[in-house]
């Protein structure tokens, strides 16, 4: 059973279970690369190098599945270094992994750079952040409360 527990100091600590998939014993489970990092780095669990041509997108396996409490979602985001240096980023970013998903976590990468980019086994390809999902009740209504902004949309505030 996955559960939330209290940590000393009043900080919530959620337990997330990781299952390394067969044949991926050499791939590290997600981990933070510094003490105050927000995201857990994900590694590519490709069986052979994968070349992403400019403009091409591919789904890259990570070699693990996970189980998290219903109060959480995992968000998959790009790594800034890959984006800046090579134009490699995540589509559907941030991608959401729902708490009830139990399949292999995969990362949808795209090459927005000018050169082909090769992804090798064990390379850090993305980061995963956990977020609390609030309980929300949708209520249909004939009228909405007024605001100063009203229906002003894109560019309405002059920014």
Protein backbone atom coordinates (compact mmCIF):
# COMPACT_ATOMS: atom_id res chain seq x y z
CA UNK A 1 0.00 0.00 0.00
CA UNK A 2 1.26 3.46 -0.89
CA UNK A 3 0.69 6.10 1.71
CA UNK A 4 1.54 9.56 2.80
CA UNK A 5 3.26 10.01 6.14
CA UNK A 6 4.37 12.94 8.25
CA UNK A 7 8.02 13.75 8.54
CA UNK A 8 9.43 15.59 11.52
CA UNK A 9 9.20 19.35 11.21
CA UNK A 10 5.72 19.19 9.70
CA UNK A 11 6.89 18.44 6.14
CA UNK A 12 4.78 15.98 4.16
CA UNK A 13 6.69 13.01 2.80
CA UNK A 14 5.07 10.88 0.12
CA UNK A 15 6.25 7.37 -0.61
CA UNK A 16 6.70 6.52 -4.29
CA UNK A 17 7.54 2.95 -5.26
CA UNK A 18 9.88 2.28 -8.19
CA UNK A 19 10.12 -1.04 -10.02
CA UNK A 20 13.19 -1.55 -12.18
CA UNK A 21 12.05 -3.46 -15.26
CA UNK A 22 13.82 -6.66 -16.31
CA UNK A 23 17.04 -6.06 -18.20
CA UNK A 24 17.54 -2.57 -16.76
CA UNK A 25 19.58 -3.37 -13.67
CA UNK A 26 22.29 -0.99 -14.94
CA UNK A 27 19.91 1.99 -15.18
CA UNK A 28 19.71 4.10 -12.02
CA UNK A 29 16.31 4.78 -10.52
CA UNK A 30 15.45 8.50 -10.71
CA UNK A 31 17.56 10.61 -8.39
CA UNK A 32 18.24 14.23 -7.59
CA UNK A 33 21.67 15.39 -8.66
CA UNK A 34 22.00 18.00 -5.91
CA UNK A 35 20.57 18.52 -2.44
CA UNK A 36 18.12 21.26 -3.45
CA UNK A 37 17.26 20.02 -6.95
CA UNK A 38 13.53 20.03 -7.66
CA UNK A 39 13.62 17.26 -10.25
CA UNK A 40 14.75 13.65 -10.33
CA UNK A 41 16.89 12.91 -13.39
CA UNK A 42 15.71 10.15 -15.74
CA UNK A 43 18.07 7.99 -17.77
CA UNK A 44 17.57 6.49 -21.21
CA UNK A 45 17.07 2.72 -21.13
CA UNK A 46 17.58 2.26 -24.87
CA UNK A 47 18.98 -1.11 -25.97
CA UNK A 48 21.15 0.55 -28.63
CA UNK A 49 21.98 4.18 -29.48
CA UNK A 50 19.02 6.15 -30.85
CA UNK A 51 19.65 8.96 -33.34
CA UNK A 52 17.19 11.87 -33.30
CA UNK A 53 17.36 13.75 -36.59
CA UNK A 54 16.46 17.48 -36.59
CA UNK A 55 12.68 17.76 -36.29
CA UNK A 56 12.31 14.08 -35.33
CA UNK A 57 10.58 12.86 -32.15
CA UNK A 58 10.85 9.50 -30.43
CA UNK A 59 9.54 7.84 -27.28
CA UNK A 60 12.51 6.89 -25.09
CA UNK A 61 12.13 4.21 -22.37
CA UNK A 62 13.44 4.75 -18.82
CA UNK A 63 13.49 1.13 -17.64
CA UNK A 64 11.18 1.57 -14.66
CA UNK A 65 7.54 1.70 -13.62
CA UNK A 66 6.24 3.32 -10.45
CA UNK A 67 3.35 3.63 -8.05
CA UNK A 68 2.55 6.85 -6.23
CA UNK A 69 -0.27 7.98 -3.93
CA UNK A 70 -3.43 9.36 -5.52
CA UNK A 71 -2.61 12.85 -4.21
CA UNK A 72 0.38 13.08 -6.57
CA UNK A 73 1.17 13.40 -10.24
CA UNK A 74 4.61 13.16 -11.81
CA UNK A 75 5.59 15.75 -14.41
CA UNK A 76 8.21 15.02 -17.06
CA UNK A 77 10.21 18.08 -18.07
CA UNK A 78 13.22 18.82 -20.28
CA UNK A 79 16.77 19.04 -18.98
CA UNK A 80 17.99 22.58 -19.52
CA UNK A 81 21.48 21.53 -20.61
CA UNK A 82 20.19 19.29 -23.42
CA UNK A 83 17.79 21.99 -24.56
CA UNK A 84 20.41 24.74 -24.56
CA UNK A 85 23.35 22.82 -26.00
CA UNK A 86 21.56 20.54 -28.50
CA UNK A 87 17.93 21.67 -28.90
CA UNK A 88 16.64 18.43 -27.32
CA UNK A 89 13.41 18.92 -25.40
CA UNK A 90 10.25 17.10 -24.33
CA UNK A 91 7.02 17.33 -26.26
CA UNK A 92 3.80 17.63 -24.26
CA UNK A 93 5.85 19.36 -21.61
CA UNK A 94 5.27 19.00 -18.83
CA UNK A 95 3.98 15.52 -19.51
CA UNK A 96 1.76 14.14 -16.76
CA UNK A 97 1.98 10.66 -15.30
CA UNK A 98 -1.19 9.88 -13.36
CA UNK A 99 -1.09 8.08 -10.02
CA UNK A 100 -2.93 5.04 -11.40
CA UNK A 101 -0.50 4.40 -14.31
CA UNK A 102 1.66 1.31 -13.81
CA UNK A 103 3.39 0.94 -17.17
CA UNK A 104 6.95 1.86 -18.09
CA UNK A 105 7.68 5.56 -17.84
CA UNK A 106 8.78 6.86 -21.24
CA UNK A 107 9.94 10.29 -22.35
CA UNK A 108 8.78 11.90 -25.62
CA UNK A 109 11.85 13.72 -26.95
CA UNK A 110 12.17 15.96 -30.00
CA UNK A 111 15.24 17.39 -31.67
CA UNK A 112 14.69 21.09 -32.33
CA UNK A 113 18.39 21.57 -33.06
CA UNK A 114 20.23 21.75 -36.37
CA UNK A 115 22.24 18.51 -36.02
CA UNK A 116 21.40 14.84 -35.40
CA UNK A 117 21.62 13.92 -31.71
CA UNK A 118 22.49 10.43 -30.44
CA UNK A 119 20.91 9.15 -27.21
CA UNK A 120 22.94 6.44 -25.51
CA UNK A 121 22.01 4.02 -22.74
CA UNK A 122 22.21 5.61 -19.29
CA UNK A 123 22.22 9.20 -20.59
CA UNK A 124 20.20 11.65 -18.50
CA UNK A 125 17.37 12.71 -20.84
CA UNK A 126 14.73 14.46 -18.72
CA UNK A 127 13.69 15.25 -15.19
CA UNK A 128 10.65 14.25 -13.19
CA UNK A 129 8.96 16.46 -10.60
CA UNK A 130 6.19 15.40 -8.26
CA UNK A 131 3.26 17.72 -7.64
CA UNK A 132 0.28 17.53 -5.31
CA UNK A 133 -3.02 17.32 -7.20
CA UNK A 134 -5.77 19.27 -5.41
CA UNK A 135 -9.23 17.77 -4.95
CA UNK A 136 -11.53 19.74 -7.25
CA UNK A 137 -15.29 19.72 -7.69
CA UNK A 138 -16.62 21.00 -11.05
CA UNK A 139 -19.91 22.86 -10.72
CA UNK A 140 -21.89 23.93 -13.76
CA UNK A 141 -23.23 27.48 -13.52
CA UNK A 142 -25.30 29.84 -15.68
CA UNK A 143 -23.32 32.88 -14.49
CA UNK A 144 -19.76 33.55 -13.37
CA UNK A 145 -18.60 36.21 -10.91
CA UNK A 146 -17.31 39.40 -12.57
CA UNK A 147 -13.61 40.43 -12.54
CA UNK A 148 -11.77 43.51 -13.77
CA UNK A 149 -10.16 41.46 -16.55
CA UNK A 150 -13.38 39.83 -17.66
CA UNK A 151 -13.03 37.88 -20.92
CA UNK A 152 -9.74 39.55 -21.96
CA UNK A 153 -7.50 36.87 -23.46
CA UNK A 154 -4.07 36.54 -25.02
CA UNK A 155 -2.12 39.79 -24.78
CA UNK A 156 -4.93 41.50 -22.90
CA UNK A 157 -2.67 42.78 -20.11
CA UNK A 158 -0.25 44.36 -22.57
CA UNK A 159 2.58 41.92 -21.89
